[in-house]
């Protein structure tokens, strides 16, 4: 395979770069269009305040559960298809282009920090009427998913963090340290830099046809300056990892505030954010689960989509069963209280025993013992007994009148 690729590269060298990129663009668009058609995905747009437009794809199979997936830095919604194909049998999928990437809004006047990302995505969720969903995010999308879960936990069922950004540790060396050292890996200007970038993202680089790779390189290099702007906004202009404001930028101290069931999924060969970050997050987030994917890099949903989806589905299935059990218990308690004459809207009554009645002032608190043989059903009143006897008498009289012999002439 490597020999065939080298031969193909030699052949393609005779074609102009613009022609190869144009052919790659056509091939990429055709491939994406085919995947959308096969999976029944539709692309829509929603407008936020200030005429900010977000483009998103939706795969709505009429399922009971929905997954909102947030992609990483310099990525787009269309790279989630490989993983989505293993999820659509059980889940609806919604994947937006994060602001600043793909077809969503890009404005130099906006500040692309985590607080604003959280506000934009919360507004997006409100605009599409999404409630009771599972949110998952990779890299930058993981940091944004965490920010959203902190802002609107009442709308979210589970949170899955896939090699997320937003957490800073002094050791080991990570992408954050690289940025402070002046190395912006997302500012790609040459093909060698693009190859280096792909090697850093993946442990085992997925196969990308040469024309499509040429197109992706051209797009990536075209946005190099823009990537620098967004990164500067994310780290709030800090230029040193010794700046005391660094931990105000990071989400380290907010991890204990997470209120939803959390799954931390990490590629154990991630060169951007080493797995020590995963261990740190597991300790800080209450009851968080952690799973390391062996021989996998920074983007498991792209590099190992099937393995990623299987592990992710197991977590979601387990949590859905647990949530259903809790809801059934709540419903059972509510039904029991209603059958006992308890009003569930009475918040004060919710905390007291429905069997316990208020005592009037001065009423004796002495318990009245009843004989074991005594029936619990109250005896009929005297009036009811008289009425019953009267009805029997009337029936007898009526029957005698009906049986009266005919008179003969």
Protein backbone atom coordinates (compact mmCIF):
# COMPACT_ATOMS: atom_id res chain seq x y z
CA UNK A 1 0.00 0.00 0.00
CA UNK A 2 2.81 2.44 0.85
CA UNK A 3 4.53 1.70 -2.45
CA UNK A 4 1.28 2.35 -4.35
CA UNK A 5 0.84 5.64 -2.54
CA UNK A 6 4.38 6.72 -3.44
CA UNK A 7 3.78 5.89 -7.11
CA UNK A 8 0.48 7.79 -7.07
CA UNK A 9 2.19 10.80 -5.48
CA UNK A 10 4.79 10.84 -8.25
CA UNK A 11 2.07 10.74 -10.89
CA UNK A 12 0.10 13.56 -9.25
CA UNK A 13 3.16 15.80 -9.05
CA UNK A 14 2.83 16.55 -12.78
CA UNK A 15 -0.57 18.21 -12.19
CA UNK A 16 -0.79 21.84 -11.00
CA UNK A 17 -1.64 22.29 -7.30
CA UNK A 18 -4.77 24.34 -8.07
CA UNK A 19 -6.08 21.64 -10.37
CA UNK A 20 -5.45 18.92 -7.80
CA UNK A 21 -7.13 20.99 -5.06
CA UNK A 22 -10.13 21.68 -7.30
CA UNK A 23 -10.51 17.98 -8.10
CA UNK A 24 -10.17 17.21 -4.39
CA UNK A 25 -12.86 19.74 -3.51
CA UNK A 26 -15.29 18.13 -5.97
CA UNK A 27 -14.45 14.67 -4.65
CA UNK A 28 -14.85 15.79 -1.04
CA UNK A 29 -18.23 17.45 -1.68
CA UNK A 30 -19.45 14.36 -3.56
CA UNK A 31 -18.32 12.09 -0.72
CA UNK A 32 -19.97 14.23 1.95
CA UNK A 33 -23.17 14.49 -0.08
CA UNK A 34 -23.30 10.73 -0.50
CA UNK A 35 -22.82 10.15 3.24
CA UNK A 36 -25.61 12.59 4.04
CA UNK A 37 -27.95 10.84 1.63
CA UNK A 38 -27.14 7.35 2.92
CA UNK A 39 -27.67 8.36 6.55
CA UNK A 40 -30.72 10.53 5.95
CA UNK A 41 -28.99 13.64 7.28
CA UNK A 42 -30.28 17.11 6.57
CA UNK A 43 -28.39 20.39 6.93
CA UNK A 44 -30.18 23.36 8.43
CA UNK A 45 -29.36 26.80 9.78
CA UNK A 46 -30.51 28.70 12.84
CA UNK A 47 -30.10 32.39 13.57
CA UNK A 48 -28.88 33.59 16.95
CA UNK A 49 -29.02 37.12 18.34
CA UNK A 50 -26.99 39.66 16.40
CA UNK A 51 -27.54 37.85 13.07
CA UNK A 52 -25.11 35.09 14.04
CA UNK A 53 -25.90 32.01 11.95
CA UNK A 54 -25.06 28.44 12.95
CA UNK A 55 -25.12 25.62 10.41
CA UNK A 56 -25.86 22.14 11.70
CA UNK A 57 -26.68 18.65 10.47
CA UNK A 58 -29.43 16.51 11.92
CA UNK A 59 -30.10 12.79 11.58
CA UNK A 60 -33.60 12.35 12.95
CA UNK A 61 -34.66 8.71 13.01
CA UNK A 62 -37.54 9.32 15.38
CA UNK A 63 -35.63 7.79 18.30
CA UNK A 64 -36.34 8.57 21.95
CA UNK A 65 -32.80 9.78 22.69
CA UNK A 66 -30.73 12.52 21.00
CA UNK A 67 -26.96 13.06 20.97
CA UNK A 68 -25.56 16.57 20.43
CA UNK A 69 -21.97 16.24 19.22
CA UNK A 70 -19.50 19.16 19.23
CA UNK A 71 -16.41 18.84 17.01
CA UNK A 72 -12.89 20.04 17.75
CA UNK A 73 -10.75 23.01 16.73
CA UNK A 74 -10.42 23.54 12.94
CA UNK A 75 -12.83 20.64 12.36
CA UNK A 76 -16.43 20.61 11.07
CA UNK A 77 -19.75 18.80 11.46
CA UNK A 78 -19.12 16.57 8.42
CA UNK A 79 -16.32 14.53 10.02
CA UNK A 80 -18.73 12.80 12.43
CA UNK A 81 -20.39 10.54 9.84
CA UNK A 82 -18.03 7.60 10.38
CA UNK A 83 -18.95 7.41 14.06
CA UNK A 84 -22.61 8.37 13.53
CA UNK A 85 -23.26 5.30 11.37
CA UNK A 86 -22.82 3.15 14.48
CA UNK A 87 -25.16 5.31 16.58
CA UNK A 88 -28.15 6.14 14.35
CA UNK A 89 -29.90 2.83 15.06
CA UNK A 90 -30.54 4.01 18.63
CA UNK A 91 -30.05 7.79 18.68
CA UNK A 92 -30.95 10.95 16.81
CA UNK A 93 -27.80 12.96 15.98
CA UNK A 94 -27.33 16.73 15.92
CA UNK A 95 -23.91 18.15 15.05
CA UNK A 96 -23.40 21.91 14.55
CA UNK A 97 -20.44 23.71 13.07
CA UNK A 98 -18.97 25.51 16.08
CA UNK A 99 -18.84 29.30 15.71
CA UNK A 100 -15.66 30.22 13.85
CA UNK A 101 -15.54 26.97 11.86
CA UNK A 102 -17.28 25.26 8.96
CA UNK A 103 -20.31 27.16 7.68
CA UNK A 104 -21.10 28.92 10.96
CA UNK A 105 -20.44 32.61 11.58
CA UNK A 106 -16.91 34.03 11.68
CA UNK A 107 -16.50 37.60 12.91
CA UNK A 108 -13.30 39.36 13.83
CA UNK A 109 -15.27 41.61 16.17
CA UNK A 110 -16.43 38.61 18.26
CA UNK A 111 -14.38 37.09 21.06
CA UNK A 112 -14.18 33.30 20.78
CA UNK A 113 -13.63 32.46 24.45
CA UNK A 114 -15.23 29.54 26.31
CA UNK A 115 -17.79 31.76 28.05
CA UNK A 116 -19.07 33.03 24.71
CA UNK A 117 -19.02 29.55 23.19
CA UNK A 118 -21.15 28.37 26.11
CA UNK A 119 -23.62 31.23 25.61
CA UNK A 120 -23.83 30.69 21.82
CA UNK A 121 -24.40 26.93 22.15
CA UNK A 122 -26.96 27.40 24.95
CA UNK A 123 -28.87 29.78 22.68
CA UNK A 124 -28.58 27.30 19.81
CA UNK A 125 -30.02 24.53 22.02
CA UNK A 126 -32.90 26.81 22.99
CA UNK A 127 -33.53 27.80 19.36
CA UNK A 128 -33.94 24.20 18.17
CA UNK A 129 -36.03 23.24 21.25
CA UNK A 130 -33.62 20.60 22.46
CA UNK A 131 -34.36 19.27 25.97
CA UNK A 132 -33.28 16.08 27.73
CA UNK A 133 -30.35 15.19 25.47
CA UNK A 134 -26.85 13.74 25.66
CA UNK A 135 -23.98 16.11 24.85
CA UNK A 136 -20.53 14.93 23.72
CA UNK A 137 -17.54 16.93 22.53
CA UNK A 138 -13.99 16.39 21.31
CA UNK A 139 -11.04 18.73 21.96
CA UNK A 140 -12.41 22.31 21.82
CA UNK A 141 -15.88 20.78 21.51
CA UNK A 142 -15.25 18.93 24.77
CA UNK A 143 -14.41 22.17 26.57
CA UNK A 144 -17.55 23.79 25.11
CA UNK A 145 -19.67 20.76 26.11
CA UNK A 146 -18.34 21.07 29.66
CA UNK A 147 -19.13 24.79 29.69
CA UNK A 148 -22.67 24.14 28.47
CA UNK A 149 -23.20 21.40 31.09
CA UNK A 150 -22.22 23.88 33.78
CA UNK A 151 -24.64 26.50 32.40
CA UNK A 152 -27.77 24.40 31.71
CA UNK A 153 -27.44 21.10 33.63
CA UNK A 154 -31.24 20.75 33.91
CA UNK A 155 -31.51 20.16 30.15
CA UNK A 156 -28.72 17.57 29.85
CA UNK A 157 -28.93 13.84 30.59
CA UNK A 158 -25.26 12.91 30.19
CA UNK A 159 -21.93 14.56 29.35
CA UNK A 160 -19.17 12.81 27.38
CA UNK A 161 -15.75 14.47 27.20
CA UNK A 162 -13.48 13.14 24.43
CA UNK A 163 -9.87 14.36 24.87
CA UNK A 164 -11.22 17.80 25.82
CA UNK A 165 -9.35 21.09 25.92
CA UNK A 166 -9.86 23.65 28.67
CA UNK A 167 -7.91 21.88 31.45
CA UNK A 168 -4.37 23.03 32.23
CA UNK A 169 -1.79 21.00 34.16
CA UNK A 170 1.77 22.06 34.91
CA UNK A 171 2.93 18.59 33.80
CA UNK A 172 3.17 16.80 31.45
CA UNK A 173 3.90 18.96 28.42
CA UNK A 174 0.75 19.59 26.38
CA UNK A 175 -0.66 21.66 23.54
CA UNK A 176 -1.20 24.54 25.97
CA UNK A 177 2.53 24.70 26.68
CA UNK A 178 3.23 24.64 22.94
CA UNK A 179 1.00 27.66 22.40
CA UNK A 180 2.77 29.61 25.15
CA UNK A 181 6.10 28.64 23.60
CA UNK A 182 4.97 30.25 20.34
CA UNK A 183 4.34 27.07 18.34
CA UNK A 184 0.87 27.30 16.77
CA UNK A 185 0.38 23.90 15.17
CA UNK A 186 -2.91 25.04 13.59
CA UNK A 187 -1.17 27.72 11.52
CA UNK A 188 -0.19 25.47 8.60
CA UNK A 189 1.63 26.98 5.63
CA UNK A 190 3.44 24.06 3.97
CA UNK A 191 2.59 20.47 3.09
CA UNK A 192 5.21 19.21 5.53
CA UNK A 193 3.53 21.19 8.31
CA UNK A 194 0.18 19.71 7.34
CA UNK A 195 1.63 16.18 7.42
CA UNK A 196 3.14 16.91 10.83
CA UNK A 197 -0.24 18.15 12.04
CA UNK A 198 -1.97 14.93 10.92
CA UNK A 199 0.73 12.83 12.59
CA UNK A 200 0.12 14.67 15.85
CA UNK A 201 -3.67 14.31 15.68
CA UNK A 202 -3.72 10.58 14.93
CA UNK A 203 -1.82 7.63 16.30
CA UNK A 204 -2.61 5.73 13.08
CA UNK A 205 -3.49 8.20 10.35
CA UNK A 206 -6.68 7.26 8.43
CA UNK A 207 -6.37 6.92 4.68
CA UNK A 208 -7.15 10.17 2.84
CA UNK A 209 -7.13 10.09 -0.99
CA UNK A 210 -4.47 12.42 -2.40
CA UNK A 211 -6.83 14.86 -4.19
CA UNK A 212 -8.93 15.23 -1.03
CA UNK A 213 -5.81 15.68 1.09
CA UNK A 214 -4.66 18.45 -1.30
CA UNK A 215 -8.02 20.19 -0.89
CA UNK A 216 -7.91 19.87 2.92
CA UNK A 217 -4.37 21.26 3.00
CA UNK A 218 -5.39 24.25 0.90
CA UNK A 219 -8.39 24.97 3.16
CA UNK A 220 -6.34 24.53 6.32
CA UNK A 221 -3.55 26.82 5.17
CA UNK A 222 -6.08 29.44 4.02
CA UNK A 223 -7.41 29.75 7.60
CA UNK A 224 -4.05 29.85 9.38
CA UNK A 225 -4.32 33.51 10.45
CA UNK A 226 -7.93 32.99 11.55
CA UNK A 227 -6.88 30.00 13.68
CA UNK A 228 -4.35 32.22 15.46
CA UNK A 229 -7.09 34.75 16.26
CA UNK A 230 -9.44 32.13 17.76
CA UNK A 231 -6.62 30.55 19.80
CA UNK A 232 -5.63 33.97 21.17
CA UNK A 233 -9.26 34.53 22.22
CA UNK A 234 -9.44 31.11 23.89
CA UNK A 235 -6.35 31.71 26.03
CA UNK A 236 -7.47 35.32 26.61
CA UNK A 237 -4.27 36.84 25.24
CA UNK A 238 -2.00 35.17 27.82
CA UNK A 239 1.54 34.64 26.59
CA UNK A 240 3.06 32.67 29.46
CA UNK A 241 2.15 29.56 31.43
CA UNK A 242 3.45 31.36 34.52
CA UNK A 243 0.74 34.03 34.33
CA UNK A 244 -1.45 33.70 37.48
CA UNK A 245 -4.56 34.40 35.37
CA UNK A 246 -4.07 31.10 33.56
CA UNK A 247 -6.22 29.14 35.99
CA UNK A 248 -9.00 31.72 35.63
CA UNK A 249 -9.05 30.82 31.94
CA UNK A 250 -9.02 27.05 32.54
CA UNK A 251 -11.97 25.02 33.82
CA UNK A 252 -9.96 23.10 36.46
CA UNK A 253 -11.71 24.62 39.49
CA UNK A 254 -15.18 24.13 38.03
CA UNK A 255 -14.95 20.38 37.53
CA UNK A 256 -16.45 19.57 40.98
CA UNK A 257 -19.54 21.58 40.00
CA UNK A 258 -20.57 19.16 37.22
CA UNK A 259 -24.03 17.80 38.10
CA UNK A 260 -24.72 15.34 35.26
CA UNK A 261 -23.41 11.78 34.72
CA UNK A 262 -20.03 12.19 33.00
CA UNK A 263 -18.01 9.88 30.78
CA UNK A 264 -14.36 10.70 30.03
CA UNK A 265 -13.16 8.99 26.86
CA UNK A 266 -9.48 9.37 25.96
CA UNK A 267 -7.06 8.15 23.31
CA UNK A 268 -4.08 6.87 25.26
CA UNK A 269 -1.69 8.08 22.53
CA UNK A 270 -3.02 11.66 22.50
CA UNK A 271 -0.05 13.98 21.85
CA UNK A 272 -2.07 17.17 22.39
CA UNK A 273 -3.43 16.43 25.88
CA UNK A 274 -1.74 13.41 27.53
CA UNK A 275 -3.86 10.91 29.47
CA UNK A 276 -2.69 12.34 32.82
CA UNK A 277 -5.29 15.05 32.17
CA UNK A 278 -7.96 12.34 32.01
CA UNK A 279 -6.93 10.98 35.44
CA UNK A 280 -7.05 14.49 36.89
CA UNK A 281 -10.57 15.09 35.52
CA UNK A 282 -11.83 11.75 36.80
CA UNK A 283 -10.71 12.69 40.33
CA UNK A 284 -12.36 16.12 40.19
CA UNK A 285 -15.72 15.38 38.52
CA UNK A 286 -18.14 13.62 40.90
CA UNK A 287 -18.69 9.94 39.97
CA UNK A 288 -17.09 10.36 36.53
CA UNK A 289 -16.29 7.25 34.49
CA UNK A 290 -13.06 6.98 32.50
CA UNK A 291 -12.20 4.80 29.51
CA UNK A 292 -8.87 4.83 27.65
CA UNK A 293 -8.84 3.71 24.01
CA UNK A 294 -5.60 1.87 23.29
CA UNK A 295 -3.39 2.92 20.37
CA UNK A 296 -5.60 5.93 19.63
CA UNK A 297 -4.77 9.61 19.25
CA UNK A 298 -6.56 12.89 19.85
CA UNK A 299 -9.71 12.25 17.76
CA UNK A 300 -11.05 8.73 18.50
CA UNK A 301 -14.33 9.38 16.65
CA UNK A 302 -12.34 9.85 13.40
CA UNK A 303 -9.41 7.49 13.92
CA UNK A 304 -11.33 4.55 15.46
CA UNK A 305 -15.02 5.34 14.84
CA UNK A 306 -16.34 1.82 15.50
CA UNK A 307 -14.46 1.33 18.77
CA UNK A 308 -15.41 4.82 19.87
CA UNK A 309 -19.09 4.26 19.09
CA UNK A 310 -19.26 0.88 20.84
CA UNK A 311 -17.80 2.27 24.07
CA UNK A 312 -19.90 5.43 23.86
CA UNK A 313 -23.10 3.45 23.23
CA UNK A 314 -22.49 1.22 26.25
CA UNK A 315 -22.23 4.26 28.50
CA UNK A 316 -25.36 5.88 27.03
CA UNK A 317 -27.36 2.65 27.23
CA UNK A 318 -26.39 2.11 30.86
CA UNK A 319 -27.27 5.68 31.78
CA UNK A 320 -30.60 5.57 29.91
CA UNK A 321 -31.60 2.44 31.80
CA UNK A 322 -30.70 4.10 35.09
CA UNK A 323 -32.58 7.29 34.20
CA UNK A 324 -35.64 5.25 33.17
CA UNK A 325 -35.51 3.41 36.49
CA UNK A 326 -35.42 6.70 38.39
CA UNK A 327 -38.33 8.09 36.36
CA UNK A 328 -40.38 4.94 36.99
CA UNK A 329 -39.73 5.23 40.71
CA UNK A 330 -40.80 8.88 40.66
CA UNK A 331 -43.93 7.98 38.71
CA UNK A 332 -44.73 5.17 41.13
CA UNK A 333 -44.34 7.46 44.15
CA UNK A 334 -46.48 10.12 42.48
CA UNK A 335 -49.21 7.61 41.64
CA UNK A 336 -49.18 6.25 45.21
CA UNK A 337 -49.50 9.73 46.68
CA UNK A 338 -52.36 10.65 44.34
CA UNK A 339 -54.24 7.45 45.22
CA UNK A 340 -53.95 8.43 48.89
CA UNK A 341 -55.45 11.84 48.26
CA UNK A 342 -52.14 13.69 48.42
CA UNK A 343 -51.76 16.73 46.19
CA UNK A 344 -48.30 16.54 44.47
CA UNK A 345 -48.35 20.28 43.82
CA UNK A 346 -48.30 20.90 47.58
CA UNK A 347 -44.56 21.40 48.14
CA UNK A 348 -44.95 21.56 51.91
CA UNK A 349 -46.94 18.35 51.93
CA UNK A 350 -44.29 16.63 49.86
CA UNK A 351 -42.02 16.44 52.87
CA UNK A 352 -44.53 15.16 55.36
CA UNK A 353 -46.07 11.75 55.85
CA UNK A 354 -49.40 11.60 53.94
CA UNK A 355 -50.79 9.30 56.66
CA UNK A 356 -50.10 11.87 59.36
CA UNK A 357 -53.02 14.22 59.99
CA UNK A 358 -52.99 17.58 61.66
CA UNK A 359 -54.21 17.49 65.26
CA UNK A 360 -56.63 20.12 66.48
CA UNK A 361 -55.57 22.07 69.56
CA UNK A 362 -56.51 20.25 72.74
CA UNK A 363 -57.26 16.98 70.94
CA UNK A 364 -56.15 13.90 72.81
CA UNK A 365 -53.11 12.16 71.35
CA UNK A 366 -54.00 8.84 72.94
CA UNK A 367 -54.13 6.01 70.44
CA UNK A 368 -57.41 4.05 70.25
CA UNK A 369 -56.80 0.31 70.06
CA UNK A 370 -59.10 -1.70 67.82
CA UNK A 371 -59.85 -5.37 68.25
CA UNK A 372 -58.15 -7.59 65.69
CA UNK A 373 -61.48 -9.11 64.64
CA UNK A 374 -63.10 -5.73 64.14
CA UNK A 375 -63.80 -4.93 60.52
CA UNK A 376 -62.13 -1.82 59.08
CA UNK A 377 -65.16 -1.08 56.90
CA UNK A 378 -67.58 1.32 58.66
CA UNK A 379 -71.07 -0.03 59.45
CA UNK A 380 -73.92 1.39 57.39
CA UNK A 381 -75.84 4.19 59.03
CA UNK A 382 -79.39 3.77 60.40
CA UNK A 383 -80.82 5.92 57.64
CA UNK A 384 -79.23 3.74 54.97
CA UNK A 385 -80.62 0.57 56.68
CA UNK A 386 -84.17 2.03 56.75
CA UNK A 387 -83.92 3.03 53.11
CA UNK A 388 -82.79 -0.45 52.16
CA UNK A 389 -85.74 -2.07 54.03
CA UNK A 390 -88.17 0.38 52.41
CA UNK A 391 -86.90 -0.55 48.93
CA UNK A 392 -87.44 -4.27 49.69
CA UNK A 393 -91.02 -3.62 50.87
CA UNK A 394 -91.80 -1.62 47.72
CA UNK A 395 -90.51 -4.43 45.51
CA UNK A 396 -92.73 -6.99 47.31
CA UNK A 397 -95.83 -4.81 46.89
CA UNK A 398 -95.07 -4.30 43.22
CA UNK A 399 -94.69 -8.03 42.65
CA UNK A 400 -98.01 -8.75 44.37
CA UNK A 401 -99.78 -6.20 42.17
CA UNK A 402 -98.35 -7.82 39.05
CA UNK A 403 -99.45 -11.33 40.16
CA UNK A 404 -103.10 -10.24 40.97
CA UNK A 405 -105.50 -12.69 39.22
CA UNK A 406 -107.71 -11.45 36.43
CA UNK A 407 -111.40 -10.82 37.23
CA UNK A 408 -113.85 -12.91 35.19
CA UNK A 409 -116.96 -11.33 33.80
